Protein backbone atom coordinates (compact mmCIF):
# COMPACT_ATOMS: atom_id res chain seq x y z
CA MET A 1 -35.04 44.23 27.94
CA THR A 2 -32.66 44.70 25.02
CA GLY A 3 -32.80 43.66 21.39
CA THR A 4 -36.17 42.05 20.26
CA PRO A 5 -38.48 40.19 22.89
CA ASP A 6 -39.74 37.04 22.58
CA VAL A 7 -43.31 37.62 23.45
CA SER A 8 -44.99 40.58 23.61
CA VAL A 9 -48.30 40.20 26.12
CA VAL A 10 -51.29 42.37 25.42
CA VAL A 11 -53.22 43.24 28.74
CA ALA A 12 -56.56 45.02 28.03
CA VAL A 13 -57.45 46.41 31.27
CA TYR A 14 -61.02 47.93 33.00
CA ASN A 15 -61.69 47.80 36.00
CA THR A 16 -60.34 44.45 37.04
CA MET A 17 -58.87 45.05 40.56
CA PRO A 18 -57.89 42.51 42.95
CA TYR A 19 -57.40 39.90 40.14
CA LEU A 20 -55.18 42.49 38.22
CA THR A 21 -52.58 41.81 40.51
CA GLU A 22 -52.46 38.05 40.09
CA CYS A 23 -52.40 38.74 36.56
CA LEU A 24 -49.24 40.45 36.85
CA ASN A 25 -47.78 38.73 39.13
CA SER A 26 -47.92 35.57 36.90
CA LEU A 27 -46.60 37.56 34.27
CA VAL A 28 -43.01 38.96 35.90
CA ALA A 29 -42.75 35.24 37.51
CA GLN A 30 -42.80 33.56 34.00
CA THR A 31 -39.47 31.46 33.65
CA ILE A 32 -38.99 32.58 30.17
CA GLY A 33 -37.20 35.72 31.84
CA GLU A 34 -37.64 39.67 31.56
CA ASP A 35 -35.22 40.06 29.15
CA ARG A 36 -37.35 37.88 26.46
CA LEU A 37 -40.48 39.63 27.57
CA GLN A 38 -42.21 42.73 26.98
CA VAL A 39 -45.78 43.40 28.51
CA ILE A 40 -48.07 45.97 26.98
CA ALA A 41 -51.14 46.78 29.39
CA VAL A 42 -53.94 49.44 28.31
CA ASP A 43 -56.03 51.06 30.83
CA ASP A 44 -59.25 51.62 29.15
CA GLY A 45 -60.49 54.17 31.59
CA SER A 46 -60.75 52.27 34.79
CA THR A 47 -62.54 53.79 37.51
CA ASP A 48 -61.32 51.68 39.88
CA ASP A 49 -57.53 51.17 41.35
CA SER A 50 -56.42 49.10 38.06
CA GLY A 51 -54.55 52.21 36.38
CA ARG A 52 -52.01 52.71 39.57
CA GLU A 53 -51.72 49.25 39.59
CA LEU A 54 -50.44 49.30 36.50
CA ASP A 55 -48.43 52.16 36.80
CA ARG A 56 -47.04 50.64 40.07
CA PHE A 57 -45.72 47.78 38.12
CA ALA A 58 -44.33 49.74 35.31
CA GLU A 59 -42.29 51.60 37.92
CA ARG A 60 -40.87 48.35 39.28
CA TYR A 61 -40.31 46.73 35.82
CA PRO A 62 -39.40 49.33 33.84
CA ASP A 63 -37.75 47.32 31.04
CA VAL A 64 -41.10 45.04 30.46
CA PHE A 65 -44.06 47.09 31.24
CA THR A 66 -45.06 49.83 28.70
CA VAL A 67 -48.79 51.39 30.16
CA VAL A 68 -50.89 53.08 28.16
CA HIS A 69 -53.92 55.06 29.66
CA GLN A 70 -57.02 56.21 27.04
CA PRO A 71 -60.70 56.50 27.89
CA ASN A 72 -63.23 54.14 28.18
CA SER A 73 -64.02 52.14 24.59
CA GLY A 74 -66.72 50.10 26.06
CA GLY A 75 -64.97 46.98 24.97
CA PRO A 76 -61.64 45.31 25.15
CA ALA A 77 -60.90 45.31 20.82
CA ALA A 78 -59.22 48.76 20.98
CA PRO A 79 -56.76 48.75 24.15
CA SER A 80 -55.55 45.10 22.48
CA ASN A 81 -55.52 47.06 19.01
CA ARG A 82 -53.41 49.86 20.92
CA ALA A 83 -51.33 47.53 22.45
CA LEU A 84 -50.71 45.42 18.68
CA GLU A 85 -49.34 48.88 17.73
CA LEU A 86 -46.69 48.95 20.46
CA ALA A 87 -45.51 45.24 19.98
CA THR A 88 -42.21 44.18 19.13
CA GLY A 89 -41.96 40.44 19.85
CA ARG A 90 -41.46 38.02 17.66
CA TYR A 91 -45.02 36.45 18.88
CA VAL A 92 -47.89 37.90 20.45
CA TYR A 93 -49.77 36.49 23.44
CA PHE A 94 -53.57 37.79 24.94
CA ILE A 95 -54.20 37.46 28.42
CA GLY A 96 -57.57 38.59 29.90
CA SER A 97 -56.91 41.17 33.06
CA ASP A 98 -58.74 38.76 35.50
CA ASP A 99 -56.80 35.74 34.58
CA TYR A 100 -53.29 34.56 35.25
CA LEU A 101 -50.67 31.92 33.55
CA GLY A 102 -49.09 29.29 35.10
CA GLU A 103 -44.96 30.05 35.74
CA GLU A 104 -43.53 28.30 32.47
CA ALA A 105 -46.26 28.85 29.98
CA LEU A 106 -44.94 31.56 27.83
CA GLU A 107 -41.09 29.42 27.97
CA ARG A 108 -43.19 26.29 26.98
CA MET A 109 -44.96 27.58 24.22
CA VAL A 110 -42.42 29.88 22.15
CA ALA A 111 -40.33 26.43 22.50
CA CYS A 112 -43.09 24.66 20.73
CA ALA A 113 -43.79 27.42 18.07
CA ASP A 114 -40.01 27.61 17.62
CA ALA A 115 -39.26 23.91 17.48
CA ASN A 116 -42.73 23.42 15.02
CA GLU A 117 -42.75 26.78 12.86
CA SER A 118 -46.16 26.64 14.58
CA ASP A 119 -47.83 30.02 14.13
CA VAL A 120 -50.66 29.61 16.60
CA VAL A 121 -49.87 27.66 19.61
CA VAL A 122 -52.88 26.94 21.86
CA GLY A 123 -51.95 25.99 25.63
CA LYS A 124 -54.62 24.50 27.90
CA MET A 125 -56.80 26.23 29.74
CA VAL A 126 -58.91 25.84 33.28
CA GLY A 127 -61.32 27.40 34.72
CA THR A 128 -61.58 29.01 38.60
CA ASN A 129 -64.11 30.12 40.07
CA GLY A 130 -66.72 28.35 38.20
CA ARG A 131 -65.72 29.76 34.87
CA TYR A 132 -66.16 27.07 32.46
CA VAL A 133 -63.41 26.59 29.68
CA HIS A 134 -64.26 23.74 26.72
CA GLN A 135 -61.69 20.68 27.68
CA LYS A 136 -61.98 18.32 24.78
CA LEU A 137 -59.30 20.49 22.56
CA PHE A 138 -56.79 19.45 25.38
CA SER A 139 -56.66 15.51 25.26
CA GLY A 140 -53.17 15.57 24.32
CA ASN A 141 -50.21 17.25 22.81
CA GLN A 142 -50.89 17.91 19.04
CA ILE A 143 -48.04 19.57 16.63
CA ASP A 144 -50.48 20.09 13.83
CA VAL A 145 -54.27 20.85 14.06
CA SER A 146 -56.98 21.64 11.93
CA LEU A 147 -59.51 24.40 12.16
CA TYR A 148 -61.90 21.62 10.70
CA ASP A 149 -62.05 18.43 12.38
CA SER A 150 -60.74 19.14 16.14
CA ALA A 151 -62.59 20.60 19.02
CA LEU A 152 -60.73 24.29 17.98
CA PRO A 153 -63.90 25.78 17.14
CA PHE A 154 -65.24 25.56 20.65
CA THR A 155 -62.23 27.08 21.99
CA LEU A 156 -62.04 30.72 20.06
CA ALA A 157 -60.81 33.12 22.70
CA ASN A 158 -57.65 34.84 22.13
CA THR A 159 -55.88 33.80 24.69
CA LYS A 160 -53.31 31.61 22.38
CA LEU A 161 -49.45 32.27 21.07
CA PHE A 162 -49.42 34.37 17.87
CA ARG A 163 -46.97 34.79 15.35
CA ARG A 164 -46.55 38.59 15.00
CA GLU A 165 -45.24 38.11 11.51
CA LEU A 166 -48.76 36.61 10.70
CA VAL A 167 -50.58 38.92 12.80
CA GLU A 168 -49.09 41.82 10.93
CA LYS A 169 -48.83 39.99 6.98
CA TYR A 170 -52.71 40.04 7.51
CA GLY A 171 -53.11 43.27 9.17
CA LEU A 172 -55.60 41.33 12.15
CA ARG A 173 -57.22 43.35 13.90
CA PHE A 174 -59.87 43.42 16.63
CA PRO A 175 -63.29 44.94 15.47
CA GLU A 176 -63.70 47.68 17.70
CA ASP A 177 -67.58 47.88 17.39
CA LEU A 178 -68.31 44.05 18.71
CA PRO A 179 -68.74 44.68 22.34
CA VAL A 180 -68.77 40.94 22.95
CA GLY A 181 -66.64 38.14 21.19
CA SER A 182 -64.16 40.49 19.39
CA ASP A 183 -61.61 37.98 19.91
CA GLN A 184 -63.30 35.58 17.60
CA PRO A 185 -62.74 37.07 14.13
CA PHE A 186 -59.19 37.78 15.05
CA THR A 187 -58.90 34.08 16.10
CA ILE A 188 -60.78 32.55 13.37
CA GLU A 189 -58.95 34.51 10.48
CA ALA A 190 -55.61 33.78 12.08
CA CYS A 191 -56.41 29.93 12.57
CA VAL A 192 -57.57 30.39 8.76
CA LYS A 193 -54.04 31.73 7.64
CA ALA A 194 -51.68 29.71 9.93
CA ARG A 195 -49.52 27.24 8.76
CA ARG A 196 -49.58 25.51 11.66
CA ILE A 197 -51.53 25.40 14.94
CA SER A 198 -49.98 23.67 17.67
CA VAL A 199 -51.92 22.26 21.06
CA LEU A 200 -49.76 21.82 24.11
CA SER A 201 -52.34 19.91 27.04
CA ASP A 202 -49.21 18.79 29.15
CA TYR A 203 -49.26 21.64 31.72
CA THR A 204 -51.68 24.13 32.99
CA TYR A 205 -50.95 27.27 30.56
CA TYR A 206 -54.09 29.80 31.49
CA TYR A 207 -56.36 30.39 34.22
CA ALA A 208 -59.50 32.04 33.52
CA VAL A 209 -61.29 33.25 36.20
CA LYS A 210 -65.11 33.97 36.85
CA ARG A 211 -65.01 37.33 38.88
CA GLY A 212 -66.73 36.62 42.57
CA ASP A 213 -69.53 39.43 41.08
CA ALA A 214 -69.60 37.93 37.47
CA SER A 215 -68.74 41.24 35.83
CA ASN A 216 -66.39 39.28 32.93
CA ILE A 217 -68.26 40.83 30.38
CA THR A 218 -69.17 38.36 28.58
CA TYR A 219 -71.76 37.78 31.40
CA ARG A 220 -72.78 41.24 31.29
CA ALA A 221 -74.38 41.28 27.61
CA ASP A 222 -77.71 41.00 26.69
CA HIS A 223 -79.56 38.66 24.58
CA LEU A 224 -80.07 41.17 21.74
CA ALA A 225 -76.03 42.44 21.87
CA ARG A 226 -74.81 38.86 21.91
CA LEU A 227 -77.45 37.85 19.11
CA ARG A 228 -76.05 40.78 16.86
CA CYS A 229 -72.27 40.06 17.81
CA THR A 230 -72.75 36.70 16.60
CA ALA A 231 -74.20 37.28 13.44
CA ARG A 232 -71.29 39.62 12.83
CA ILE A 233 -68.56 37.04 13.94
CA MET A 234 -70.67 34.06 11.48
CA ASP A 235 -70.52 36.66 8.77
CA HIS A 236 -67.09 37.39 9.00
CA THR A 237 -66.38 33.41 9.31
CA ALA A 238 -68.40 33.00 5.83
CA GLY A 239 -66.21 35.50 4.30
CA LEU A 240 -63.14 33.36 4.95
CA ILE A 241 -64.18 29.74 4.29
CA PRO A 242 -66.30 28.83 1.31
CA ALA A 243 -69.53 26.95 2.00
CA GLY A 244 -69.28 23.20 2.73
CA PRO A 245 -68.17 20.69 5.36
CA GLN A 246 -65.03 23.14 6.70
CA ARG A 247 -67.50 26.25 7.44
CA ASP A 248 -70.00 23.97 9.00
CA ALA A 249 -67.22 22.52 11.15
CA VAL A 250 -66.63 26.20 12.57
CA LEU A 251 -70.22 27.77 12.61
CA LYS A 252 -71.74 24.34 14.25
CA ARG A 253 -70.18 26.09 17.80
CA HIS A 254 -71.91 29.17 17.30
CA PHE A 255 -75.48 26.98 16.65
CA GLU A 256 -74.74 24.79 19.72
CA TRP A 257 -72.90 27.70 22.35
CA GLU A 258 -73.75 31.12 21.42
CA LEU A 259 -77.39 30.77 19.64
CA SER A 260 -78.81 28.39 21.60
CA LYS A 261 -77.64 30.06 24.61
CA LEU A 262 -80.11 32.54 23.74
CA MET A 263 -83.04 30.08 24.24
CA LEU A 264 -82.48 28.92 28.20
CA ASP A 265 -84.34 29.30 30.70
CA ASP A 266 -84.49 33.27 31.08
CA PHE A 267 -85.64 33.07 27.18
CA PRO A 268 -89.59 33.13 29.05
CA ALA A 269 -89.20 35.90 30.97
CA LEU A 270 -87.81 38.45 28.02
CA PRO A 271 -90.45 41.02 26.89
CA PRO A 272 -92.55 39.62 24.17
CA GLU A 273 -90.56 42.29 21.29
CA THR A 274 -87.38 40.44 22.54
CA ARG A 275 -88.22 36.98 22.21
CA GLN A 276 -89.40 38.35 18.74
CA GLU A 277 -86.42 40.07 17.80
CA ILE A 278 -84.50 37.12 19.10
CA CYS A 279 -86.54 34.34 16.98
CA ASP A 280 -86.12 36.89 13.43
CA GLY A 281 -82.50 36.76 14.01
CA LEU A 282 -82.21 33.26 14.76
CA ALA A 283 -84.31 32.38 11.90
CA ALA A 284 -82.11 35.08 9.17
CA LEU A 285 -79.10 32.99 10.39
CA GLN A 286 -80.70 29.29 10.09
CA ASP A 287 -81.85 30.57 6.57
CA THR A 288 -78.09 31.26 5.59
CA TYR A 289 -75.75 28.78 7.61
CA PHE A 290 -78.10 26.04 9.08
CA THR A 291 -77.22 23.16 6.90
CA ASP A 292 -79.22 19.97 6.79
CA THR A 293 -75.85 18.28 8.00
CA LEU A 294 -75.41 21.04 10.85
CA ARG A 295 -79.30 20.20 11.49
CA ASP A 296 -79.02 16.72 11.58
CA ALA A 297 -75.53 16.73 14.08
CA THR A 298 -77.22 19.04 16.30
CA GLY A 299 -78.76 17.49 19.75
CA VAL A 300 -82.77 17.11 19.41
CA LYS A 301 -83.29 19.78 22.55
CA ARG A 302 -81.42 22.61 20.56
CA ARG A 303 -82.42 21.53 17.17
CA VAL A 304 -86.16 21.58 18.14
CA ARG A 305 -85.41 25.33 19.63
CA LEU A 306 -83.52 26.08 16.62
CA GLY A 307 -86.59 24.89 14.63
CA LEU A 308 -89.42 26.65 16.64
CA ALA A 309 -87.44 30.03 16.12
CA ARG A 310 -87.04 29.38 12.70
CA ARG A 311 -90.77 28.74 11.99
CA GLY A 312 -91.62 32.07 14.40
CA ALA A 313 -93.39 29.59 16.62
CA VAL A 314 -92.47 32.36 19.60
CA ALA A 315 -95.11 30.63 22.06
CA GLU A 316 -94.36 26.99 21.40
CA LEU A 317 -90.57 27.95 21.85
CA THR A 318 -91.61 29.73 25.42
CA ARG A 319 -93.68 26.91 26.17
CA ALA A 320 -90.95 23.97 25.11
CA ILE A 321 -88.29 25.99 27.65
CA ALA A 322 -90.43 26.92 30.66
CA ASP A 323 -92.27 23.33 30.49
CA GLU A 324 -88.92 21.43 30.40
CA ALA A 325 -87.24 24.09 32.88
CA GLU A 326 -90.39 23.28 34.95
CA HIS A 327 -91.02 19.34 34.43
CA GLY A 328 -88.33 18.21 33.16
CA ALA A 329 -87.64 16.94 29.54
CA PRO A 330 -90.62 15.04 28.14
CA PRO A 331 -90.49 11.44 27.77
CA PHE A 332 -89.39 9.84 24.42
CA LEU A 333 -91.88 8.46 21.94
CA LEU A 334 -90.91 5.14 20.48
CA GLU A 335 -92.37 4.26 17.14
CA GLY A 336 -90.96 1.94 14.34
CA GLY A 337 -87.21 2.29 15.51
CA ARG A 338 -87.32 5.76 15.83
CA ALA A 339 -86.90 8.03 19.26
CA TYR A 340 -88.51 11.09 19.23
CA ALA A 341 -88.70 14.45 21.66
CA PRO A 342 -92.26 15.23 21.32
CA TYR A 343 -91.95 18.61 22.22
CA PRO A 344 -94.86 21.78 21.38
CA GLY A 345 -95.12 21.96 17.72
CA PHE A 346 -94.29 18.38 17.30
CA ARG A 347 -96.58 16.80 14.37
CA ASP A 348 -97.95 20.12 14.31
CA ALA A 349 -99.45 20.99 10.70
CA ALA A 350 -99.46 24.88 11.80
CA ILE A 351 -95.70 24.99 12.45
CA GLY A 352 -94.61 22.81 9.86
CA LEU A 353 -91.84 21.19 11.21
CA ASP A 354 -91.14 17.43 9.76
CA ASP A 355 -89.86 14.32 12.24
CA ARG A 356 -86.63 15.20 11.80
CA TRP A 357 -86.30 17.80 13.95
CA TYR A 358 -87.84 16.08 16.88
CA GLU A 359 -85.86 12.95 16.22
CA ALA A 360 -83.19 11.47 18.82
CA ARG A 361 -80.19 10.70 16.61
CA GLU A 362 -77.65 10.98 19.54
CA SER A 363 -76.68 9.50 22.46
CA VAL A 364 -80.01 9.66 25.30
CA ALA A 365 -78.05 8.68 28.46
CA GLY A 366 -78.36 11.60 29.73
CA ARG A 367 -82.17 11.89 29.41
CA LEU A 368 -83.18 8.27 29.83
CA ALA A 369 -81.13 9.26 33.21
CA ASP A 370 -82.96 12.56 34.08
CA GLY A 371 -86.51 10.57 33.17
CA THR A 372 -85.57 7.85 35.34
CA LYS A 373 -87.49 7.92 38.65
CA LEU A 374 -87.44 5.48 41.47
CA LEU A 375 -90.82 5.54 42.85
CA SER A 376 -90.34 2.56 45.72
CA ALA A 377 -88.01 0.08 47.31
CA ALA A 378 -88.60 -3.11 49.62
CA TRP A 379 -87.16 -6.02 50.33
CA GLU A 380 -89.42 -9.01 49.87
CA GLN A 381 -88.25 -12.11 52.16
CA ASP A 382 -89.24 -15.49 52.13
CA GLY A 383 -87.26 -17.70 55.03
CA SER A 384 -83.68 -17.52 53.74
CA ASP A 385 -84.54 -16.01 50.29
CA LEU A 386 -84.13 -12.11 49.62
CA THR A 387 -85.64 -10.19 46.67
CA LEU A 388 -85.41 -6.55 46.10
CA ALA A 389 -88.60 -4.93 44.74
CA LEU A 390 -88.23 -1.82 42.91
CA LYS A 391 -91.01 0.30 40.91
CA LEU A 392 -89.67 3.00 38.61
CA ARG A 393 -90.76 5.13 36.48
CA ILE A 394 -88.65 5.64 32.81
CA GLY A 395 -88.95 8.53 30.74
CA LEU A 396 -90.17 6.47 27.69
CA THR A 397 -93.52 6.35 25.63
CA GLY A 398 -94.89 4.38 22.78
CA ASP A 399 -93.70 1.16 21.59
CA THR A 400 -91.38 0.72 24.63
CA PRO A 401 -89.05 -2.56 24.50
CA PRO A 402 -89.09 -4.78 27.39
CA ALA A 403 -86.53 -2.87 30.13
CA VAL A 404 -84.75 -4.91 32.78
CA VAL A 405 -82.73 -3.94 36.09
CA ALA A 406 -79.96 -5.74 37.01
CA LEU A 407 -76.98 -5.54 40.06
CA ALA A 408 -74.03 -4.81 38.12
CA HIS A 409 -70.41 -4.99 39.54
CA GLY A 410 -67.88 -2.43 39.32
CA ALA A 411 -68.01 1.71 38.37
CA LEU A 412 -69.60 2.70 35.45
CA PRO A 413 -66.63 4.60 33.05
CA LYS A 414 -65.45 7.95 33.78
CA SER A 415 -66.87 8.89 30.47
CA ALA A 416 -70.71 8.04 31.91
CA ASP A 417 -70.58 10.31 34.90
CA LYS A 418 -71.61 13.40 32.85
CA PRO A 419 -74.46 12.22 31.47
CA GLY A 420 -75.39 9.82 34.28
CA GLY A 421 -75.81 6.88 32.19
CA ARG A 422 -73.63 5.32 28.66
CA ARG A 423 -74.59 3.89 25.50
CA LEU A 424 -73.26 0.34 25.75
CA PRO A 425 -70.89 -0.71 22.65
CA LYS A 426 -72.49 -2.97 20.14
CA ASN A 427 -70.29 -6.16 20.97
CA ALA A 428 -71.63 -5.66 24.98
CA GLN A 429 -73.96 -7.68 25.94
CA ARG A 430 -76.95 -6.60 28.81
CA PRO A 431 -76.97 -8.56 31.74
CA GLU A 432 -79.29 -11.04 31.27
CA ALA A 433 -82.64 -10.89 33.23
CA VAL A 434 -82.43 -12.61 36.40
CA GLY A 435 -85.81 -11.58 38.31
CA GLU A 436 -89.24 -10.67 37.36
CA PHE A 437 -90.25 -7.92 35.58
CA SER A 438 -93.47 -6.09 34.28
CA GLN A 439 -94.40 -3.15 32.53
CA GLU A 440 -97.20 -0.89 31.53
CA PRO A 441 -97.53 2.85 30.62
CA SER A 442 -98.13 5.47 33.10
CA GLU A 443 -101.42 6.89 34.13
CA ASP A 444 -100.45 10.13 33.29
CA GLY A 445 -98.42 9.56 30.28
CA THR A 446 -95.13 10.87 31.28
CA GLY A 447 -93.64 7.23 30.93
CA THR A 448 -93.71 3.58 31.52
CA LEU A 449 -94.10 2.30 34.78
CA LEU A 450 -91.38 -0.54 35.64
CA THR A 451 -92.01 -3.26 38.28
CA ALA A 452 -89.16 -5.51 39.21
CA ARG A 453 -88.12 -8.35 41.47
CA ILE A 454 -84.53 -9.26 41.84
CA PRO A 455 -83.08 -11.89 43.71
CA VAL A 456 -80.18 -11.14 46.24
CA ASP A 457 -77.32 -13.46 46.21
CA LEU A 458 -75.67 -13.69 49.43
CA VAL A 459 -71.90 -12.82 48.64
CA HIS A 460 -69.64 -10.56 49.38
CA ALA A 461 -69.73 -7.69 47.18
CA LYS A 462 -71.08 -4.25 46.56
CA ARG A 463 -73.46 -4.06 43.60
CA GLY A 464 -74.80 -0.86 41.35
CA VAL A 465 -78.73 -0.85 40.34
CA ARG A 466 -78.64 -0.37 36.88
CA LEU A 467 -81.46 -0.05 33.99
CA TYR A 468 -81.26 -1.84 31.02
CA VAL A 469 -83.03 -0.40 27.97
CA ASP A 470 -83.37 -0.43 24.12
CA VAL A 471 -84.00 2.94 22.32
CA ALA A 472 -83.71 3.18 18.84
CA GLY A 473 -81.66 -0.04 18.29
CA THR A 474 -79.13 1.01 20.88
CA THR A 475 -79.04 -0.75 24.60
CA TYR A 476 -78.40 1.96 27.37
CA GLU A 477 -77.26 1.27 30.64
CA ILE A 478 -78.71 4.02 33.43
CA PRO A 479 -77.72 3.98 37.18
CA VAL A 480 -81.02 4.05 39.06
CA ARG A 481 -80.54 6.95 41.31
CA THR A 482 -82.52 7.02 44.86
CA GLY A 483 -83.45 10.77 44.17
CA GLY A 484 -83.95 11.07 47.99
CA LEU A 485 -86.36 8.53 48.34
CA PRO A 486 -86.10 6.78 51.90
CA MET A 487 -84.39 3.07 51.52
CA PRO A 488 -85.74 -0.08 53.75
CA LEU A 489 -83.67 -0.92 56.24
CA ALA A 490 -80.90 -3.24 56.16
CA ARG A 491 -81.25 -7.53 56.65
CA ARG A 492 -79.71 -9.62 58.39
CA LEU A 493 -79.56 -12.67 56.86
CA GLY A 494 -77.88 -16.43 57.41
CA THR A 495 -77.38 -18.72 60.01
CA THR A 496 -73.65 -20.27 59.89
CA THR A 497 -72.80 -17.39 57.48
CA PRO A 498 -74.31 -14.04 58.77
CA TYR A 499 -74.44 -11.52 56.17
CA ARG A 500 -76.02 -7.79 55.99
CA VAL A 501 -77.62 -6.60 53.01
CA SER A 502 -78.27 -2.93 52.40
CA ALA A 503 -79.63 -0.36 50.16
CA ASN A 504 -78.30 3.17 49.86
CA PRO A 505 -77.04 5.64 47.74
CA ASN A 506 -73.62 6.22 46.74
CA PRO A 507 -72.17 9.87 46.65
CA LYS A 508 -73.51 9.89 43.50
CA GLY A 509 -76.89 9.45 44.78
CA ARG A 510 -77.21 6.00 42.89
CA LEU A 511 -78.67 3.11 44.52
CA VAL A 512 -76.33 0.57 45.58
CA ILE A 513 -76.87 -3.04 47.06
CA THR A 514 -74.44 -4.48 49.63
CA THR A 515 -74.07 -7.40 51.13
CA ALA A 516 -71.37 -8.14 53.49
CA LEU A 517 -70.14 -10.91 56.16
CA LEU A 518 -71.08 -9.36 59.71
CA TRP A 519 -68.11 -11.63 60.55
CA GLU A 520 -65.65 -13.88 59.40
CA PRO A 521 -66.49 -17.46 60.54
CA LYS A 522 -63.44 -19.13 62.70
CA PRO A 523 -61.96 -22.07 61.70
CA PRO A 524 -62.39 -25.27 63.71
CA LEU A 525 -60.12 -25.52 66.89
CA ARG A 526 -58.43 -28.74 65.77
CA PRO A 527 -56.64 -26.93 63.25
CA ARG A 528 -55.78 -23.98 65.08
CA LEU A 529 -54.78 -25.62 67.49
CA ARG A 530 -52.03 -27.80 64.99
CA ARG A 531 -50.98 -24.21 63.56
CA LEU A 532 -50.33 -22.81 67.38
CA LEU A 533 -48.02 -26.27 68.59
CA SER A 534 -46.42 -25.99 65.31
CA ARG A 535 -45.45 -22.30 65.92
CA LEU A 536 -44.18 -22.89 69.20
CA LYS A 537 -42.00 -25.99 67.73
CA ARG A 538 -40.21 -23.83 65.81
CA LYS A 539 -39.66 -21.24 68.35
CA MET A 540 -38.10 -23.78 70.64
CA SER A 541 -36.10 -25.38 67.91
CA ARG A 542 -33.89 -22.01 67.51
């Protein structure tokens, strides 16, 4: 390498063999070329072969690699800061030493930054080996995005291209006393100060790897360490962004992600003093940063858990988490056109959370899908008439409006696959109720029982069995899942045109009714003979 490289790649390394080799190979394979590339790898006191592997690459590519060995610092911040001191490129890029890049990644990102005068460029990332990477930001190329009205706050890792002039102008460095999330203060401040942030989604730039032993530092940190680090990150953010909608847009991520993850299924098993300390920390952060706007924009499950923690209701929070893990979410209570999730503490004067904390304002398609259970399915036949008899339990109580089950053609939109259902557009009509329906509250109070008898037409078709129900003024379409329930045997119907009718789960476990001809009826003999003679005459006339 001669002159100033276009990009300096920073690799903080600690015990990442054998993943490190693939990471380094992906760097030397970059199409940007070795003459435009500087790689600065800092070995943070590795005890495996990582240090030797770095030296091997430095020996093989002396004009590209600079390798530094230092005692272990306890996190990626110190080695990253050491590498920044040695960086000389116009841009700096950070990569995890267990991750790897697409071959054209650096060339494409540098070209984008040069063409658009971008200070930060975010290339599309994907997870491998079960690593989760938020994808909403990568819906398409975006030359100029804002931190405040995009999904960027949910992609705050430092695995981005930064203009080094920006980094040095504002003295951006990583806080070395943060064992978890030390890249977030750096990334947030860079995005706040950047003239332009660009997102590239037309190529897979970055592959984030979850190690087979889940030893990535994010997966190792305990609850209290994550709480303390998140509090520091939020305080740092508040120092950069004044109170208001822009700050809310960034901190929404921390309430929905880092803080909510402290109250997952492992929470009830934590020592009582740890649970109390978590609730105390969550309460302090909510008192400072959890505005009414953020509260109302948070899904009801997270909102209730945050509210219970804020009130110091450790026992109720523990019960809410344990009950949902064992039995699923409580059925929605419908009252006065509103839907409530009656978790522990609901309308408990001693807790003091008003109904707004328990009201479901977001789409509840996923919750409805999880709370809908098929109890029985059978055929009822009267001569040539066939009826599908179903009994379901729906996770709704209170003023439950009439629900119907219908046979629907076509697949649900892809957007509905994850929650297992969808909220129908306002101008969409739910299918006409064809058949007989009745419903009543379940004896155990866990929902509403719906009995449906739906006539099955003998037409060649494959139709999904779907529930249509109104919740708080919105109609939801929920595929009925079999849940492993044995399905009735297929039936043969019809005489002159025989059909086979079957009820089976599709690959996603959703109940599908298939009516298919057993065989195609043959045309009468005389027309067939006419066609045959006509073909013979044509052949003979040639």
